[in-house]
Amino acid sequence: MALRSWDCKGCTRICYIMQQSGEIGEYCRYAVEHGRIPTRWKGDYVYCTKYSTDPKHTDKNIRMFVRSS
């Protein structure tokens, strides 16, 4: 069996960030807030432990892009 990884499609744990270009992009809210995406192995499959379909997990406020130094 081939190794497989998670798919973010349908996940509601998202936030929106305005880029320096003015475009708004959709990002993983947990990764933006914590700097990583927690995952676990389940057989040959890696899954995201923060995947959610709860609409309350979406941050609808648009954040500004901040470049870390």
PDB file of N, CA and C in Angstrom:
ATOM      1  N   MET A   1       0.846  -1.191   0.000  1.00  0.00           N
ATOM      2  CA  MET A   1       0.000   0.000   0.000  1.00  0.00           C
ATOM      3  C   MET A   1       0.889   1.250   0.000  1.00  0.00           C
ATOM      4  N   ALA A   2       0.521   2.221  -0.787  1.00  0.00           N
ATOM      5  CA  ALA A   2       1.285   3.467  -0.870  1.00  0.00           C
ATOM      6  C   ALA A   2       0.956   4.373   0.312  1.00  0.00           C
ATOM      7  N   LEU A   3       1.929   5.172   0.709  1.00  0.00           N
ATOM      8  CA  LEU A   3       1.697   6.140   1.774  1.00  0.00           C
ATOM      9  C   LEU A   3       0.778   7.238   1.256  1.00  0.00           C
ATOM     10  N   ARG A   4      -0.128   7.695   2.111  1.00  0.00           N
ATOM     11  CA  ARG A   4      -1.061   8.752   1.735  1.00  0.00           C
ATOM     12  C   ARG A   4      -1.035   9.832   2.808  1.00  0.00           C
ATOM     13  N   SER A   5      -1.397  11.016   2.440  1.00  0.00           N
ATOM     14  CA  SER A   5      -1.416  12.140   3.370  1.00  0.00           C
ATOM     15  C   SER A   5      -2.806  12.770   3.374  1.00  0.00           C
ATOM     16  N   TRP A   6      -3.044  13.620   4.358  1.00  0.00           N
ATOM     17  CA  TRP A   6      -4.363  14.238   4.516  1.00  0.00           C
ATOM     18  C   TRP A   6      -4.658  15.235   3.412  1.00  0.00           C
ATOM     19  N   ASP A   7      -5.921  15.543   3.302  1.00  0.00           N
ATOM     20  CA  ASP A   7      -6.417  16.529   2.347  1.00  0.00           C
ATOM     21  C   ASP A   7      -7.223  17.556   3.136  1.00  0.00           C
ATOM     22  N   CYS A   8      -6.947  18.829   2.954  1.00  0.00           N
ATOM     23  CA  CYS A   8      -7.642  19.888   3.703  1.00  0.00           C
ATOM     24  C   CYS A   8      -9.030  20.194   3.149  1.00  0.00           C
ATOM     25  N   LYS A   9      -9.392  19.592   2.026  1.00  0.00           N
ATOM     26  CA  LYS A   9     -10.677  19.886   1.388  1.00  0.00           C
ATOM     27  C   LYS A   9     -11.822  19.658   2.376  1.00  0.00           C
ATOM     28  N   GLY A  10     -12.672  20.676   2.528  1.00  0.00           N
ATOM     29  CA  GLY A  10     -13.824  20.575   3.408  1.00  0.00           C
ATOM     30  C   GLY A  10     -13.561  20.980   4.847  1.00  0.00           C
ATOM     31  N   CYS A  11     -12.304  21.212   5.196  1.00  0.00           N
ATOM     32  CA  CYS A  11     -11.979  21.607   6.568  1.00  0.00           C
ATOM     33  C   CYS A  11     -12.397  23.054   6.805  1.00  0.00           C
ATOM     34  N   THR A  12     -13.036  23.310   7.939  1.00  0.00           N
ATOM     35  CA  THR A  12     -13.513  24.653   8.256  1.00  0.00           C
ATOM     36  C   THR A  12     -12.591  25.385   9.231  1.00  0.00           C
ATOM     37  N   ARG A  13     -11.493  24.776   9.613  1.00  0.00           N
ATOM     38  CA  ARG A  13     -10.554  25.441  10.535  1.00  0.00           C
ATOM     39  C   ARG A  13      -9.619  26.323   9.699  1.00  0.00           C
ATOM     40  N   ILE A  14     -10.185  27.427   9.188  1.00  0.00           N
ATOM     41  CA  ILE A  14      -9.447  28.296   8.274  1.00  0.00           C
ATOM     42  C   ILE A  14      -9.485  29.748   8.745  1.00  0.00           C
ATOM     43  N   CYS A  15      -8.602  30.555   8.163  1.00  0.00           N
ATOM     44  CA  CYS A  15      -8.599  31.997   8.365  1.00  0.00           C
ATOM     45  C   CYS A  15      -8.214  32.639   7.039  1.00  0.00           C
ATOM     46  N   TYR A  16      -8.405  33.943   6.957  1.00  0.00           N
ATOM     47  CA  TYR A  16      -8.127  34.675   5.725  1.00  0.00           C
ATOM     48  C   TYR A  16      -7.030  35.697   5.994  1.00  0.00           C
ATOM     49  N   ILE A  17      -6.085  35.772   5.066  1.00  0.00           N
ATOM     50  CA  ILE A  17      -4.965  36.699   5.221  1.00  0.00           C
ATOM     51  C   ILE A  17      -4.834  37.548   3.961  1.00  0.00           C
ATOM     52  N   MET A  18      -4.737  38.876   4.155  1.00  0.00           N
ATOM     53  CA  MET A  18      -4.507  39.778   3.034  1.00  0.00           C
ATOM     54  C   MET A  18      -3.003  39.867   2.791  1.00  0.00           C
ATOM     55  N   GLN A  19      -2.604  39.514   1.592  1.00  0.00           N
ATOM     56  CA  GLN A  19      -1.202  39.546   1.207  1.00  0.00           C
ATOM     57  C   GLN A  19      -0.758  40.980   0.915  1.00  0.00           C
ATOM     58  N   GLN A  20       0.523  41.178   0.779  1.00  0.00           N
ATOM     59  CA  GLN A  20       1.060  42.506   0.452  1.00  0.00           C
ATOM     60  C   GLN A  20       0.533  42.995  -0.892  1.00  0.00           C
ATOM     61  N   SER A  21       0.197  42.058  -1.766  1.00  0.00           N
ATOM     62  CA  SER A  21      -0.334  42.418  -3.086  1.00  0.00           C
ATOM     63  C   SER A  21      -1.791  42.880  -3.014  1.00  0.00           C
ATOM     64  N   GLY A  22      -2.441  42.677  -1.844  1.00  0.00           N
ATOM     65  CA  GLY A  22      -3.838  43.051  -1.696  1.00  0.00           C
ATOM     66  C   GLY A  22      -4.789  41.890  -1.892  1.00  0.00           C
ATOM     67  N   GLU A  23      -4.260  40.754  -2.361  1.00  0.00           N
ATOM     68  CA  GLU A  23      -5.096  39.576  -2.544  1.00  0.00           C
ATOM     69  C   GLU A  23      -5.352  38.906  -1.199  1.00  0.00           C
ATOM     70  N   ILE A  24      -6.518  38.293  -1.059  1.00  0.00           N
ATOM     71  CA  ILE A  24      -6.871  37.595   0.172  1.00  0.00           C
ATOM     72  C   ILE A  24      -6.773  36.098  -0.076  1.00  0.00           C
ATOM     73  N   GLY A  25      -6.017  35.424   0.780  1.00  0.00           N
ATOM     74  CA  GLY A  25      -5.831  33.985   0.654  1.00  0.00           C
ATOM     75  C   GLY A  25      -6.427  33.249   1.839  1.00  0.00           C
ATOM     76  N   GLU A  26      -6.785  31.987   1.623  1.00  0.00           N
ATOM     77  CA  GLU A  26      -7.350  31.145   2.673  1.00  0.00           C
ATOM     78  C   GLU A  26      -6.233  30.258   3.214  1.00  0.00           C
ATOM     79  N   TYR A  27      -6.094  30.219   4.531  1.00  0.00           N
ATOM     80  CA  TYR A  27      -5.008  29.478   5.162  1.00  0.00           C
ATOM     81  C   TYR A  27      -5.533  28.612   6.294  1.00  0.00           C
ATOM     82  N   CYS A  28      -4.741  27.627   6.662  1.00  0.00           N
ATOM     83  CA  CYS A  28      -5.055  26.782   7.815  1.00  0.00           C
ATOM     84  C   CYS A  28      -4.937  27.634   9.078  1.00  0.00           C
ATOM     85  N   ARG A  29      -6.028  27.813   9.776  1.00  0.00           N
ATOM     86  CA  ARG A  29      -6.043  28.662  10.972  1.00  0.00           C
ATOM     87  C   ARG A  29      -5.094  28.126  12.055  1.00  0.00           C
ATOM     88  N   TYR A  30      -5.092  26.818  12.259  1.00  0.00           N
ATOM     89  CA  TYR A  30      -4.240  26.248  13.302  1.00  0.00           C
ATOM     90  C   TYR A  30      -2.766  26.481  12.976  1.00  0.00           C
ATOM     91  N   ALA A  31      -2.386  26.291  11.721  1.00  0.00           N
ATOM     92  CA  ALA A  31      -0.986  26.485  11.318  1.00  0.00           C
ATOM     93  C   ALA A  31      -0.565  27.942  11.475  1.00  0.00           C
ATOM     94  N   VAL A  32      -1.450  28.882  11.137  1.00  0.00           N
ATOM     95  CA  VAL A  32      -1.142  30.311  11.266  1.00  0.00           C
ATOM     96  C   VAL A  32      -0.970  30.681  12.736  1.00  0.00           C
ATOM     97  N   GLU A  33      -1.841  30.164  13.588  1.00  0.00           N
ATOM     98  CA  GLU A  33      -1.817  30.529  14.997  1.00  0.00           C
ATOM     99  C   GLU A  33      -0.746  29.799  15.802  1.00  0.00           C
ATOM    100  N   HIS A  34      -0.358  28.609  15.361  1.00  0.00           N
ATOM    101  CA  HIS A  34       0.580  27.794  16.142  1.00  0.00           C
ATOM    102  C   HIS A  34       1.888  27.472  15.420  1.00  0.00           C
ATOM    103  N   GLY A  35       1.959  27.814  14.142  1.00  0.00           N
ATOM    104  CA  GLY A  35       3.197  27.601  13.400  1.00  0.00           C
ATOM    105  C   GLY A  35       3.446  26.172  12.956  1.00  0.00           C
ATOM    106  N   ARG A  36       2.457  25.306  13.101  1.00  0.00           N
ATOM    107  CA  ARG A  36       2.623  23.919  12.680  1.00  0.00           C
ATOM    108  C   ARG A  36       1.254  23.281  12.486  1.00  0.00           C
ATOM    109  N   ILE A  37       1.237  22.135  11.837  1.00  0.00           N
ATOM    110  CA  ILE A  37       0.006  21.364  11.682  1.00  0.00           C
ATOM    111  C   ILE A  37       0.229  20.031  12.384  1.00  0.00           C
ATOM    112  N   PRO A  38      -0.524  19.727  13.436  1.00  0.00           N
ATOM    113  CA  PRO A  38      -0.336  18.463  14.132  1.00  0.00           C
ATOM    114  C   PRO A  38      -0.899  17.295  13.320  1.00  0.00           C
ATOM    115  N   THR A  39      -0.120  16.249  13.180  1.00  0.00           N
ATOM    116  CA  THR A  39      -0.537  15.083  12.401  1.00  0.00           C
ATOM    117  C   THR A  39      -0.265  13.803  13.184  1.00  0.00           C
ATOM    118  N   ARG A  40      -0.908  12.732  12.752  1.00  0.00           N
ATOM    119  CA  ARG A  40      -0.711  11.406  13.338  1.00  0.00           C
ATOM    120  C   ARG A  40      -0.684  10.373  12.219  1.00  0.00           C
ATOM    121  N   TRP A  41       0.036   9.301  12.446  1.00  0.00           N
ATOM    122  CA  TRP A  41       0.040   8.169  11.522  1.00  0.00           C
ATOM    123  C   TRP A  41      -1.080   7.221  11.907  1.00  0.00           C
ATOM    124  N   LYS A  42      -1.777   6.704  10.914  1.00  0.00           N
ATOM    125  CA  LYS A  42      -2.775   5.653  11.097  1.00  0.00           C
ATOM    126  C   LYS A  42      -2.547   4.660   9.974  1.00  0.00           C
ATOM    127  N   GLY A  43      -1.757   3.645  10.250  1.00  0.00           N
ATOM    128  CA  GLY A  43      -1.342   2.713   9.200  1.00  0.00           C
ATOM    129  C   GLY A  43      -0.445   3.427   8.206  1.00  0.00           C
ATOM    130  N   ASP A  44      -0.833   3.416   6.930  1.00  0.00           N
ATOM    131  CA  ASP A  44      -0.068   4.087   5.875  1.00  0.00           C
ATOM    132  C   ASP A  44      -0.603   5.487   5.580  1.00  0.00           C
ATOM    133  N   TYR A  45      -1.413   6.012   6.485  1.00  0.00           N
ATOM    134  CA  TYR A  45      -2.073   7.295   6.237  1.00  0.00           C
ATOM    135  C   TYR A  45      -1.691   8.298   7.321  1.00  0.00           C
ATOM    136  N   VAL A  46      -1.293   9.504   6.890  1.00  0.00           N
ATOM    137  CA  VAL A  46      -1.024  10.598   7.823  1.00  0.00           C
ATOM    138  C   VAL A  46      -2.269  11.480   7.826  1.00  0.00           C
ATOM    139  N   TYR A  47      -2.813  11.749   9.009  1.00  0.00           N
ATOM    140  CA  TYR A  47      -3.987  12.622   9.040  1.00  0.00           C
ATOM    141  C   TYR A  47      -3.767  13.795   9.971  1.00  0.00           C
ATOM    142  N   CYS A  48      -4.471  14.889   9.682  1.00  0.00           N
ATOM    143  CA  CYS A  48      -4.397  16.108  10.475  1.00  0.00           C
ATOM    144  C   CYS A  48      -5.314  15.948  11.677  1.00  0.00           C
ATOM    145  N   THR A  49      -4.770  16.129  12.883  1.00  0.00           N
ATOM    146  CA  THR A  49      -5.579  15.950  14.088  1.00  0.00           C
ATOM    147  C   THR A  49      -6.470  17.156  14.371  1.00  0.00           C
ATOM    148  N   LYS A  50      -6.331  18.230  13.612  1.00  0.00           N
ATOM    149  CA  LYS A  50      -7.143  19.432  13.817  1.00  0.00           C
ATOM    150  C   LYS A  50      -8.182  19.635  12.718  1.00  0.00           C
ATOM    151  N   TYR A  51      -8.355  18.642  11.839  1.00  0.00           N
ATOM    152  CA  TYR A  51      -9.362  18.730  10.785  1.00  0.00           C
ATOM    153  C   TYR A  51     -10.737  18.891  11.425  1.00  0.00           C
ATOM    154  N   SER A  52     -11.543  19.801  10.906  1.00  0.00           N
ATOM    155  CA  SER A  52     -12.870  20.045  11.475  1.00  0.00           C
ATOM    156  C   SER A  52     -13.846  20.453  10.382  1.00  0.00           C
ATOM    157  N   THR A  53     -15.102  20.108  10.581  1.00  0.00           N
ATOM    158  CA  THR A  53     -16.165  20.584   9.692  1.00  0.00           C
ATOM    159  C   THR A  53     -17.114  21.506  10.454  1.00  0.00           C
ATOM    160  N   ASP A  54     -16.728  21.916  11.655  1.00  0.00           N
ATOM    161  CA  ASP A  54     -17.529  22.821  12.473  1.00  0.00           C
ATOM    162  C   ASP A  54     -17.339  24.255  11.976  1.00  0.00           C
ATOM    163  N   PRO A  55     -18.396  24.917  11.500  1.00  0.00           N
ATOM    164  CA  PRO A  55     -18.252  26.283  10.974  1.00  0.00           C
ATOM    165  C   PRO A  55     -17.773  27.292  12.011  1.00  0.00           C
ATOM    166  N   LYS A  56     -17.913  26.980  13.298  1.00  0.00           N
ATOM    167  CA  LYS A  56     -17.447  27.870  14.356  1.00  0.00           C
ATOM    168  C   LYS A  56     -15.920  27.976  14.386  1.00  0.00           C
ATOM    169  N   HIS A  57     -15.233  27.065  13.706  1.00  0.00           N
ATOM    170  CA  HIS A  57     -13.771  27.080  13.693  1.00  0.00           C
ATOM    171  C   HIS A  57     -13.196  27.999  12.619  1.00  0.00           C
ATOM    172  N   THR A  58     -14.060  28.605  11.806  1.00  0.00           N
ATOM    173  CA  THR A  58     -13.605  29.544  10.772  1.00  0.00           C
ATOM    174  C   THR A  58     -13.473  30.942  11.365  1.00  0.00           C
ATOM    175  N   ASP A  59     -12.319  31.560  11.162  1.00  0.00           N
ATOM    176  CA  ASP A  59     -12.107  32.950  11.582  1.00  0.00           C
ATOM    177  C   ASP A  59     -12.384  33.820  10.361  1.00  0.00           C
ATOM    178  N   LYS A  60     -13.488  34.523  10.375  1.00  0.00           N
ATOM    179  CA  LYS A  60     -13.899  35.307   9.206  1.00  0.00           C
ATOM    180  C   LYS A  60     -13.249  36.684   9.152  1.00  0.00           C
ATOM    181  N   ASN A  61     -12.514  37.074  10.192  1.00  0.00           N
ATOM    182  CA  ASN A  61     -11.813  38.356  10.178  1.00  0.00           C
ATOM    183  C   ASN A  61     -10.589  38.243   9.275  1.00  0.00           C
ATOM    184  N   ILE A  62     -10.389  39.227   8.428  1.00  0.00           N
ATOM    185  CA  ILE A  62      -9.235  39.204   7.522  1.00  0.00           C
ATOM    186  C   ILE A  62      -8.013  39.726   8.262  1.00  0.00           C
ATOM    187  N   ARG A  63      -6.981  38.905   8.321  1.00  0.00           N
ATOM    188  CA  ARG A  63      -5.735  39.283   8.991  1.00  0.00           C
ATOM    189  C   ARG A  63      -4.792  39.907   7.976  1.00  0.00           C
ATOM    190  N   MET A  64      -3.878  40.705   8.444  1.00  0.00           N
ATOM    191  CA  MET A  64      -2.878  41.307   7.577  1.00  0.00           C
ATOM    192  C   MET A  64      -1.652  40.401   7.532  1.00  0.00           C
ATOM    193  N   PHE A  65      -1.037  40.319   6.371  1.00  0.00           N
ATOM    194  CA  PHE A  65       0.186  39.542   6.202  1.00  0.00           C
ATOM    195  C   PHE A  65       1.296  40.197   7.027  1.00  0.00           C
ATOM    196  N   VAL A  66       1.953  39.418   7.835  1.00  0.00           N
ATOM    197  CA  VAL A  66       3.071  39.923   8.638  1.00  0.00           C
ATOM    198  C   VAL A  66       4.293  39.062   8.319  1.00  0.00           C
ATOM    199  N   ARG A  67       5.333  39.712   7.841  1.00  0.00           N
ATOM    200  CA  ARG A  67       6.559  38.994   7.505  1.00  0.00           C
ATOM    201  C   ARG A  67       7.393  38.826   8.775  1.00  0.00           C
ATOM    202  N   SER A  68       7.715  37.571   9.083  1.00  0.00           N
ATOM    203  CA  SER A  68       8.557  37.336  10.270  1.00  0.00           C
ATOM    204  C   SER A  68      10.011  37.509   9.889  1.00  0.00           C
ATOM    205  N   SER A  69      10.813  37.984  10.854  1.00  0.00           N
ATOM    206  CA  SER A  69      12.218  38.231  10.541  1.00  0.00           C
ATOM    207  C   SER A  69      13.119  37.179  11.126  1.00  0.00           C
TER     208      SER A  69
END
